[in-house]
Amino acid sequence: MNLLELDHIVHFINRDPAQAVYEWEKYGLKAILGGSHTKWGTYNSLLYFGLSYIEYLAVENMAVASKSENPLISQLLRDSKQFEGFGQICFRTDNILKLKEDLQKKGYHPTEIFDGKRLRDDGVLISWKMLFIQSDGPLPYPFFIQWSQGDLERLEDLKQNRLLPEKQEERVIESISFVVSNAGDVAADWARLFGVSVDSQIKINVGRSDIIFYDKNANNDLMQIHNLKGDRPFLIEIDPPISSSPITVLSDCYK
């Protein structure tokens, strides 16, 4: 599989994405308004750490969103009926067509490639391509994105437009933790998906980020999270940390 890096984590919310901007101001971090996806009936705000980010995604137009064939929007509509919080993770590629071929050769069932775009507040049109993997299991596979701009161009654009403060440029998303029904099986499946090895039976590394799977029966806290959300992410850890202990922002946990 071609080189992949964590691109973003999708945090589903049932409120105006501007709320994320206000919430992160309390912790001295700069989140920004993203824009509207008029074709999908959604809008977002973004919290960058280098080129990786957290996307706060909400429904802006239910009539449009309910007709969307984009799997992420379908998941947003399902999950947001039950909870706010982390729902999906996305990895960046520079060759989405080759990636689709690689996934098919491994026996996975990728979807069609979706074209995406949004108009930024400064009038700049941002565009990308997205690829999902079909799954009947309780945990959606990660999805993949290819931006129209290269990494260096995107980074320079963020810095020039003061969308990425220096203290956030230097941080990275170190790990994403999931609670699942069977940590060992999920870790093995995702390791095969990414073509990596499993560490300690529950952890894999993709790019600069670790993905850690915890069994729902490991403790009462994990069981309570799983009872609410099912198999989903529940904790994002940043390096350097943004807090000495986990903090809850818009119903999910960061550190």
Protein backbone atom coordinates (compact mmCIF):
# COMPACT_ATOMS: atom_id res chain seq x y z
CA MET A 1 0.00 0.00 0.00
CA ASN A 2 1.30 3.45 -0.85
CA LEU A 3 2.54 5.82 1.86
CA LEU A 4 -0.24 6.94 4.18
CA GLU A 5 -0.44 9.57 6.92
CA LEU A 6 -3.24 10.36 9.34
CA ASP A 7 -5.20 13.17 7.72
CA HIS A 8 -8.03 13.82 10.13
CA ILE A 9 -10.45 12.51 12.73
CA VAL A 10 -14.15 13.25 12.33
CA HIS A 11 -15.93 14.40 15.50
CA PHE A 12 -19.70 14.36 14.90
CA ILE A 13 -21.65 17.14 16.62
CA ASN A 14 -25.29 18.22 16.88
CA ARG A 15 -24.59 21.94 17.07
CA ASP A 16 -23.06 24.77 15.09
CA PRO A 17 -19.40 23.94 14.34
CA ALA A 18 -18.50 27.43 15.55
CA GLN A 19 -18.98 26.03 19.05
CA ALA A 20 -15.74 24.07 18.63
CA VAL A 21 -13.91 27.34 17.95
CA TYR A 22 -15.19 28.81 21.21
CA GLU A 23 -14.47 25.65 23.21
CA TRP A 24 -10.83 25.40 22.12
CA GLU A 25 -10.20 29.07 22.86
CA LYS A 26 -10.57 28.10 26.53
CA TYR A 27 -7.47 25.91 26.15
CA GLY A 28 -5.45 28.41 24.14
CA LEU A 29 -5.83 26.56 20.84
CA LYS A 30 -7.08 27.93 17.54
CA ALA A 31 -9.86 26.07 15.75
CA ILE A 32 -11.21 27.64 12.56
CA LEU A 33 -14.46 27.64 10.65
CA GLY A 34 -14.19 25.36 7.64
CA GLY A 35 -17.19 25.91 5.42
CA SER A 36 -20.22 24.23 3.88
CA HIS A 37 -20.41 21.06 1.81
CA THR A 38 -23.48 22.11 -0.13
CA LYS A 39 -23.68 18.80 -2.03
CA TRP A 40 -23.85 16.86 1.26
CA GLY A 41 -25.80 19.27 3.46
CA THR A 42 -23.07 19.53 6.08
CA TYR A 43 -20.67 22.12 7.49
CA ASN A 44 -17.61 21.99 9.70
CA SER A 45 -14.87 23.57 11.74
CA LEU A 46 -11.27 22.38 12.00
CA LEU A 47 -8.56 22.10 14.65
CA TYR A 48 -5.14 21.64 13.03
CA PHE A 49 -2.03 19.98 14.42
CA GLY A 50 0.44 20.23 11.57
CA LEU A 51 -1.33 18.93 8.47
CA SER A 52 -3.51 16.59 10.54
CA TYR A 53 -6.68 17.90 12.11
CA ILE A 54 -9.91 17.24 13.95
CA GLU A 55 -13.03 17.93 11.89
CA TYR A 56 -16.18 18.96 13.76
CA LEU A 57 -18.91 17.88 11.35
CA ALA A 58 -22.60 18.74 11.64
CA VAL A 59 -25.72 18.68 9.50
CA GLU A 60 -26.54 22.06 7.98
CA ASN A 61 -29.34 21.01 5.61
CA MET A 62 -31.13 17.82 6.62
CA ALA A 63 -33.09 17.60 3.37
CA VAL A 64 -29.83 17.42 1.41
CA ALA A 65 -27.90 15.30 3.92
CA SER A 66 -30.61 12.64 4.09
CA LYS A 67 -30.29 12.05 0.33
CA SER A 68 -26.49 11.89 0.26
CA GLU A 69 -24.82 8.66 -0.88
CA ASN A 70 -21.54 9.62 0.83
CA PRO A 71 -20.92 6.93 3.50
CA LEU A 72 -19.53 9.49 5.95
CA ILE A 73 -22.72 11.54 5.82
CA SER A 74 -24.82 8.40 6.26
CA GLN A 75 -22.77 7.54 9.35
CA LEU A 76 -23.11 11.09 10.68
CA LEU A 77 -26.89 10.83 10.47
CA ARG A 78 -26.93 7.44 12.23
CA ASP A 79 -24.41 8.19 14.95
CA SER A 80 -25.60 11.69 15.79
CA LYS A 81 -29.01 10.30 16.74
CA GLN A 82 -27.26 8.49 19.60
CA PHE A 83 -24.27 10.61 20.60
CA GLU A 84 -21.85 13.41 19.82
CA GLY A 85 -18.22 12.40 19.50
CA PHE A 86 -15.54 10.74 17.41
CA GLY A 87 -16.94 8.71 14.55
CA GLN A 88 -14.31 8.13 11.87
CA ILE A 89 -10.64 8.51 10.99
CA CYS A 90 -9.17 9.34 7.60
CA PHE A 91 -5.75 8.76 6.06
CA ARG A 92 -4.08 10.82 3.35
CA THR A 93 -2.72 9.35 0.12
CA ASP A 94 -1.14 10.85 -2.99
CA ASN A 95 -2.51 8.13 -5.31
CA ILE A 96 -6.09 7.19 -4.51
CA LEU A 97 -6.55 5.13 -7.68
CA LYS A 98 -3.57 2.92 -6.84
CA LEU A 99 -4.81 2.66 -3.26
CA LYS A 100 -8.17 1.40 -4.49
CA GLU A 101 -6.45 -1.27 -6.59
CA ASP A 102 -4.33 -2.36 -3.62
CA LEU A 103 -7.39 -2.70 -1.40
CA GLN A 104 -9.19 -4.78 -4.00
CA LYS A 105 -6.19 -7.11 -4.32
CA LYS A 106 -6.32 -7.68 -0.55
CA GLY A 107 -9.97 -8.71 -0.80
CA TYR A 108 -11.52 -5.53 0.57
CA HIS A 109 -14.45 -3.85 -1.16
CA PRO A 110 -13.75 -0.15 -1.75
CA THR A 111 -16.54 2.15 -2.87
CA GLU A 112 -16.54 4.47 -5.81
CA ILE A 113 -14.30 7.52 -5.45
CA PHE A 114 -16.24 10.56 -4.23
CA ASP A 115 -15.32 14.10 -5.25
CA GLY A 116 -15.53 16.72 -2.51
CA LYS A 117 -15.23 20.48 -2.34
CA ARG A 118 -16.00 23.42 -0.09
CA LEU A 119 -15.67 27.17 -0.44
CA ARG A 120 -13.51 28.71 2.27
CA ASP A 121 -14.51 32.00 3.89
CA ASP A 122 -11.73 33.76 1.96
CA GLY A 123 -13.20 32.58 -1.35
CA VAL A 124 -10.68 29.80 -1.98
CA LEU A 125 -12.20 26.57 -3.33
CA ILE A 126 -10.79 23.48 -1.61
CA SER A 127 -11.23 20.15 -3.43
CA TRP A 128 -10.38 16.51 -2.77
CA LYS A 129 -11.24 12.87 -3.53
CA MET A 130 -12.48 10.33 -0.96
CA LEU A 131 -12.51 6.53 -0.87
CA PHE A 132 -14.39 4.31 1.60
CA ILE A 133 -14.38 0.57 2.29
CA GLN A 134 -17.63 -1.33 2.51
CA SER A 135 -18.15 -3.21 5.76
CA ASP A 136 -20.99 -4.95 7.55
CA GLY A 137 -19.16 -4.93 10.88
CA PRO A 138 -19.87 -2.65 13.85
CA LEU A 139 -16.69 -0.59 13.33
CA PRO A 140 -16.42 1.30 10.04
CA TYR A 141 -13.08 0.97 8.30
CA PRO A 142 -11.08 4.21 8.01
CA PHE A 143 -11.53 6.15 4.82
CA PHE A 144 -8.96 7.81 2.57
CA ILE A 145 -8.47 11.22 1.00
CA GLN A 146 -6.37 12.75 -1.75
CA TRP A 147 -6.16 16.53 -1.78
CA SER A 148 -5.85 18.58 -4.95
CA GLN A 149 -2.90 20.38 -3.33
CA GLY A 150 0.31 18.67 -2.23
CA ASP A 151 1.35 18.58 1.43
CA LEU A 152 3.92 21.39 1.20
CA GLU A 153 1.49 23.64 -0.67
CA ARG A 154 -1.26 23.00 1.86
CA LEU A 155 1.06 23.65 4.80
CA GLU A 156 2.30 26.91 3.33
CA ASP A 157 -1.27 28.00 2.60
CA LEU A 158 -2.32 27.34 6.21
CA LYS A 159 0.63 29.31 7.57
CA GLN A 160 0.25 32.25 5.19
CA ASN A 161 -3.44 32.58 6.05
CA ARG A 162 -2.69 32.31 9.80
CA LEU A 163 -4.83 29.22 10.16
CA LEU A 164 -2.05 27.20 11.83
CA PRO A 165 -0.37 28.82 14.85
CA GLU A 166 3.25 27.82 15.43
CA LYS A 167 2.50 25.94 18.65
CA GLN A 168 -0.03 23.79 16.77
CA GLU A 169 2.23 23.28 13.76
CA GLU A 170 4.76 21.63 16.07
CA ARG A 171 2.23 19.23 17.59
CA VAL A 172 1.20 15.86 16.16
CA ILE A 173 -1.74 13.54 16.75
CA GLU A 174 0.15 10.79 18.54
CA SER A 175 -2.59 8.20 18.97
CA ILE A 176 -6.26 7.38 18.52
CA SER A 177 -7.80 4.90 20.95
CA PHE A 178 -10.84 2.77 20.08
CA VAL A 179 -13.15 0.71 22.27
CA VAL A 180 -14.28 -2.43 20.43
CA SER A 181 -15.93 -5.78 21.04
CA ASN A 182 -12.81 -7.81 20.20
CA ALA A 183 -9.57 -5.82 20.25
CA GLY A 184 -7.33 -8.61 18.99
CA ASP A 185 -9.44 -9.40 15.93
CA VAL A 186 -9.89 -5.75 14.97
CA ALA A 187 -6.18 -4.99 15.38
CA ALA A 188 -5.27 -7.96 13.18
CA ASP A 189 -7.75 -6.93 10.49
CA TRP A 190 -6.59 -3.31 10.41
CA ALA A 191 -2.95 -4.42 10.38
CA ARG A 192 -3.71 -6.46 7.26
CA LEU A 193 -5.56 -3.50 5.76
CA PHE A 194 -2.58 -1.18 6.20
CA GLY A 195 0.13 -3.78 5.64
CA VAL A 196 1.71 -3.26 9.08
CA SER A 197 2.44 -5.44 12.11
CA VAL A 198 0.52 -5.58 15.38
CA ASP A 199 2.26 -4.46 18.58
CA SER A 200 1.19 -6.08 21.87
CA GLN A 201 -1.82 -7.57 20.05
CA ILE A 202 -3.81 -4.33 20.18
CA LYS A 203 -1.76 -1.52 18.59
CA ILE A 204 -0.72 -0.65 15.05
CA ASN A 205 1.28 2.27 13.69
CA VAL A 206 0.38 4.09 10.49
CA GLY A 207 2.56 7.02 9.47
CA ARG A 208 3.31 9.03 12.61
CA SER A 209 0.24 7.91 14.57
CA ASP A 210 -0.63 4.88 16.68
CA ILE A 211 -4.05 3.25 16.59
CA ILE A 212 -4.84 1.41 19.82
CA PHE A 213 -7.77 -0.95 20.33
CA TYR A 214 -9.21 -1.65 23.78
CA ASP A 215 -11.65 -4.42 24.55
CA LYS A 216 -14.96 -3.17 25.92
CA ASN A 217 -14.68 -5.61 28.83
CA ALA A 218 -11.33 -4.23 30.01
CA ASN A 219 -12.98 -1.97 32.62
CA ASN A 220 -16.29 -0.36 33.56
CA ASP A 221 -15.46 2.98 31.93
CA LEU A 222 -14.85 1.33 28.57
CA MET A 223 -18.02 -0.71 28.92
CA GLN A 224 -20.05 2.46 29.54
CA ILE A 225 -18.52 4.17 26.50
CA HIS A 226 -19.23 1.11 24.37
CA ASN A 227 -22.82 0.90 25.62
CA LEU A 228 -23.35 4.44 24.31
CA LYS A 229 -21.32 4.45 21.11
CA GLY A 230 -20.55 0.88 20.14
CA ASP A 231 -17.21 0.25 18.39
CA ARG A 232 -15.83 3.77 17.99
CA PRO A 233 -12.83 6.01 18.87
CA PHE A 234 -12.96 7.44 22.38
CA LEU A 235 -9.63 9.25 23.03
CA ILE A 236 -7.19 11.33 21.00
CA GLU A 237 -3.72 12.02 22.39
CA ILE A 238 -1.60 14.91 21.14
CA ASP A 239 2.20 15.27 21.38
CA PRO A 240 3.16 17.48 23.17
CA PRO A 241 0.01 16.95 25.28
CA ILE A 242 -2.61 19.68 25.47
CA SER A 243 -3.44 18.66 29.04
CA SER A 244 -1.86 16.57 31.79
CA SER A 245 -5.06 14.54 32.05
CA PRO A 246 -7.89 13.89 29.56
CA ILE A 247 -10.29 16.76 28.94
CA THR A 248 -13.79 16.51 27.51
CA VAL A 249 -14.61 18.78 24.58
CA LEU A 250 -17.98 18.49 22.84
CA SER A 251 -18.65 15.14 24.52
CA ASP A 252 -15.39 13.31 23.76
CA CYS A 253 -11.92 13.07 25.26
CA TYR A 254 -8.59 14.67 24.32
CA LYS A 255 -5.21 14.72 26.00
